[in-house]
Amino acid sequence: MRRASMQAEEREEIAKARREGSLNMLASAPQELVIRAQPPLRAVVVLLESAGLPTVDLRPEHLEHFFYCGASEAPTGLVGLELLGNDALLRSLLVAPEARRGGVGSALVEHAENYAHSKGVRTIYLLTNTAEKFFSQRGYLRIARAAAVPAIQATHEFKELCPDSSALMAKAL
């Protein structure tokens, strides 16, 4: 009896999340996750600032290679790419606290990797202060900052936004 009650509650949570345009990861179903392109700049800035991430260099043209899940006005997950020829910088991966541990981050990274590959990218780089383990589990390797290709070294994120103590990681696609 108690189990049936729990299942009914889970179904109601899923229905509510769908009505609101977001996913509650307690009732997670990553296969149902809808990832959209080009979130509104205002929503991106609000989400990134809520996590203490930099937004000073974001411009509307950057959003061409950004993807999100959840409501467009209040995304629950976000990932961006800066395409630089055969290389790309993965930036701004963020999942709202209430949506963590349900596969959203992994799904967003996989989506970004597939998109980058379709655009001819061979290697994705990223800088992180907090998610090295997460990215290591997805095939990214920590490399010396000096090993980054010149296009990555020339980015605003590499030169100014991320401290030298940030881990530089790369993954061949």
Protein backbone atom coordinates (compact mmCIF):
# COMPACT_ATOMS: atom_id res chain seq x y z
CA MET A 1 0.00 0.00 0.00
CA ARG A 2 2.77 2.42 0.95
CA ARG A 3 4.65 1.60 -2.26
CA ALA A 4 1.61 2.41 -4.42
CA SER A 5 1.28 5.72 -2.59
CA MET A 6 4.96 6.55 -3.32
CA GLN A 7 4.49 5.71 -7.01
CA ALA A 8 1.43 7.96 -7.19
CA GLU A 9 3.41 10.79 -5.57
CA GLU A 10 6.26 10.30 -8.07
CA ARG A 11 3.82 10.38 -10.99
CA GLU A 12 2.33 13.62 -9.64
CA GLU A 13 5.83 15.16 -9.31
CA ILE A 14 6.61 14.25 -12.92
CA ALA A 15 3.30 15.70 -14.12
CA LYS A 16 3.94 18.90 -12.15
CA ALA A 17 7.47 19.23 -13.57
CA ARG A 18 6.16 18.80 -17.10
CA ARG A 19 3.48 21.47 -16.55
CA GLU A 20 6.13 23.86 -15.21
CA GLY A 21 8.56 23.12 -18.03
CA SER A 22 11.25 21.75 -15.74
CA LEU A 23 12.30 18.41 -14.39
CA ASN A 24 12.38 17.48 -10.74
CA MET A 25 15.25 15.05 -10.61
CA LEU A 26 13.73 13.13 -7.67
CA ALA A 27 11.40 11.78 -10.33
CA SER A 28 14.15 11.83 -12.90
CA ALA A 29 13.95 10.27 -16.27
CA PRO A 30 16.95 11.52 -18.30
CA GLN A 31 15.50 9.96 -21.44
CA GLU A 32 12.61 12.46 -21.12
CA LEU A 33 14.96 15.43 -20.80
CA VAL A 34 14.34 18.04 -23.50
CA ILE A 35 17.41 20.05 -24.45
CA ARG A 36 16.83 23.27 -26.38
CA ALA A 37 19.20 25.64 -28.16
CA GLN A 38 19.83 29.34 -27.59
CA PRO A 39 18.47 30.23 -24.16
CA PRO A 40 17.57 33.87 -23.53
CA LEU A 41 20.61 35.89 -22.40
CA ARG A 42 18.78 37.24 -19.34
CA ALA A 43 17.96 33.71 -18.11
CA VAL A 44 21.55 32.57 -18.68
CA VAL A 45 22.93 35.50 -16.71
CA VAL A 46 20.53 34.91 -13.80
CA LEU A 47 21.37 31.19 -13.62
CA LEU A 48 25.13 31.72 -13.85
CA GLU A 49 25.15 34.56 -11.32
CA SER A 50 23.09 32.45 -8.89
CA ALA A 51 26.02 30.02 -8.84
CA GLY A 52 28.68 32.73 -8.63
CA LEU A 53 29.91 32.10 -12.18
CA PRO A 54 31.18 34.92 -14.39
CA THR A 55 28.90 36.52 -16.97
CA VAL A 56 30.87 39.64 -17.90
CA ASP A 57 31.92 38.32 -21.30
CA LEU A 58 28.57 36.85 -22.40
CA ARG A 59 26.96 38.39 -25.45
CA PRO A 60 23.84 37.36 -27.41
CA GLU A 61 26.03 35.96 -30.21
CA HIS A 62 27.57 33.46 -27.77
CA LEU A 63 24.19 31.86 -27.21
CA GLU A 64 24.18 30.31 -30.68
CA HIS A 65 26.14 27.42 -29.15
CA PHE A 66 24.43 27.28 -25.74
CA PHE A 67 21.89 24.65 -24.75
CA TYR A 68 19.47 24.42 -21.85
CA CYS A 69 16.75 22.37 -20.26
CA GLY A 70 13.76 23.51 -18.26
CA ALA A 71 11.74 26.65 -18.84
CA SER A 72 13.33 29.26 -21.10
CA GLU A 73 12.79 31.98 -18.48
CA ALA A 74 14.33 29.84 -15.72
CA PRO A 75 16.51 27.01 -17.07
CA THR A 76 17.37 24.16 -14.72
CA GLY A 77 20.45 23.20 -16.71
CA LEU A 78 22.80 24.97 -19.08
CA VAL A 79 25.91 24.29 -21.13
CA GLY A 80 27.75 26.45 -23.62
CA LEU A 81 30.42 26.02 -26.23
CA GLU A 82 32.83 28.46 -27.77
CA LEU A 83 33.70 27.02 -31.18
CA LEU A 84 37.25 27.75 -32.34
CA GLY A 85 37.83 25.83 -35.57
CA ASN A 86 38.75 22.22 -34.75
CA ASP A 87 38.72 23.03 -31.04
CA ALA A 88 36.03 24.16 -28.64
CA LEU A 89 35.87 25.51 -25.12
CA LEU A 90 33.10 23.98 -23.05
CA ARG A 91 31.88 26.67 -20.72
CA SER A 92 29.15 27.41 -18.29
CA LEU A 93 27.96 23.90 -17.45
CA LEU A 94 25.53 24.41 -14.63
CA VAL A 95 22.66 22.44 -13.18
CA ALA A 96 20.34 24.05 -10.64
CA PRO A 97 20.60 22.42 -7.20
CA GLU A 98 17.09 20.95 -7.35
CA ALA A 99 17.90 19.18 -10.64
CA ARG A 100 21.23 17.62 -9.65
CA ARG A 101 21.96 13.91 -9.38
CA GLY A 102 19.50 12.98 -12.09
CA GLY A 103 21.69 12.90 -15.17
CA VAL A 104 21.02 16.44 -16.40
CA GLY A 105 24.68 17.49 -16.36
CA SER A 106 25.75 14.33 -18.18
CA ALA A 107 23.01 14.75 -20.77
CA LEU A 108 23.97 18.38 -21.40
CA VAL A 109 27.66 17.51 -21.78
CA GLU A 110 26.85 14.66 -24.15
CA HIS A 111 24.61 16.97 -26.19
CA ALA A 112 27.35 19.62 -26.37
CA GLU A 113 29.92 17.02 -27.42
CA ASN A 114 27.67 15.67 -30.18
CA TYR A 115 26.92 19.18 -31.39
CA ALA A 116 30.62 20.11 -31.38
CA HIS A 117 31.48 16.94 -33.30
CA SER A 118 28.82 17.77 -35.90
CA LYS A 119 30.52 21.17 -36.34
CA GLY A 120 33.93 19.59 -37.01
CA VAL A 121 35.40 19.99 -33.54
CA ARG A 122 38.06 17.41 -32.72
CA THR A 123 38.96 18.42 -29.16
CA ILE A 124 36.93 20.03 -26.38
CA TYR A 125 38.73 21.90 -23.61
CA LEU A 126 37.34 23.21 -20.35
CA LEU A 127 38.47 25.00 -17.22
CA THR A 128 37.03 24.06 -13.84
CA ASN A 129 37.51 24.81 -10.19
CA THR A 130 34.89 22.40 -8.87
CA ALA A 131 33.98 19.67 -11.35
CA GLU A 132 37.21 17.88 -12.22
CA LYS A 133 35.92 14.53 -10.97
CA PHE A 134 32.65 14.91 -12.91
CA PHE A 135 34.50 15.57 -16.16
CA SER A 136 37.13 12.87 -15.52
CA GLN A 137 34.30 10.36 -15.30
CA ARG A 138 33.24 11.48 -18.79
CA GLY A 139 36.63 10.98 -20.43
CA TYR A 140 38.21 14.39 -19.93
CA LEU A 141 41.88 14.43 -18.94
CA ARG A 142 43.65 17.11 -16.95
CA ILE A 143 46.44 18.73 -18.94
CA ALA A 144 48.96 21.49 -18.28
CA ARG A 145 47.68 24.97 -19.16
CA ALA A 146 50.67 25.43 -21.44
CA ALA A 147 49.45 22.43 -23.48
CA ALA A 148 46.30 24.25 -24.61
CA VAL A 149 46.22 25.20 -28.26
CA PRO A 150 46.66 28.93 -28.98
CA ALA A 151 42.95 29.44 -29.80
CA ILE A 152 41.97 28.23 -26.32
CA GLN A 153 44.73 30.26 -24.65
CA ALA A 154 43.39 33.36 -26.41
CA THR A 155 39.88 33.07 -24.94
CA HIS A 156 38.69 35.54 -22.34
CA GLU A 157 37.85 32.66 -20.01
CA PHE A 158 41.40 31.24 -20.22
CA LYS A 159 43.23 34.58 -20.03
CA GLU A 160 41.15 36.47 -17.49
CA LEU A 161 38.07 34.81 -16.02
CA CYS A 162 39.46 31.55 -14.66
CA PRO A 163 42.33 31.63 -12.18
CA ASP A 164 45.60 29.88 -12.95
CA SER A 165 44.65 27.31 -10.32
CA SER A 166 41.71 26.12 -12.47
CA ALA A 167 42.08 22.63 -13.89
CA LEU A 168 42.42 22.60 -17.67
CA MET A 169 40.91 19.46 -19.13
CA ALA A 170 40.55 18.14 -22.66
CA LYS A 171 38.74 15.38 -24.50
CA ALA A 172 39.28 14.20 -28.05
CA LEU A 173 36.02 13.61 -29.91
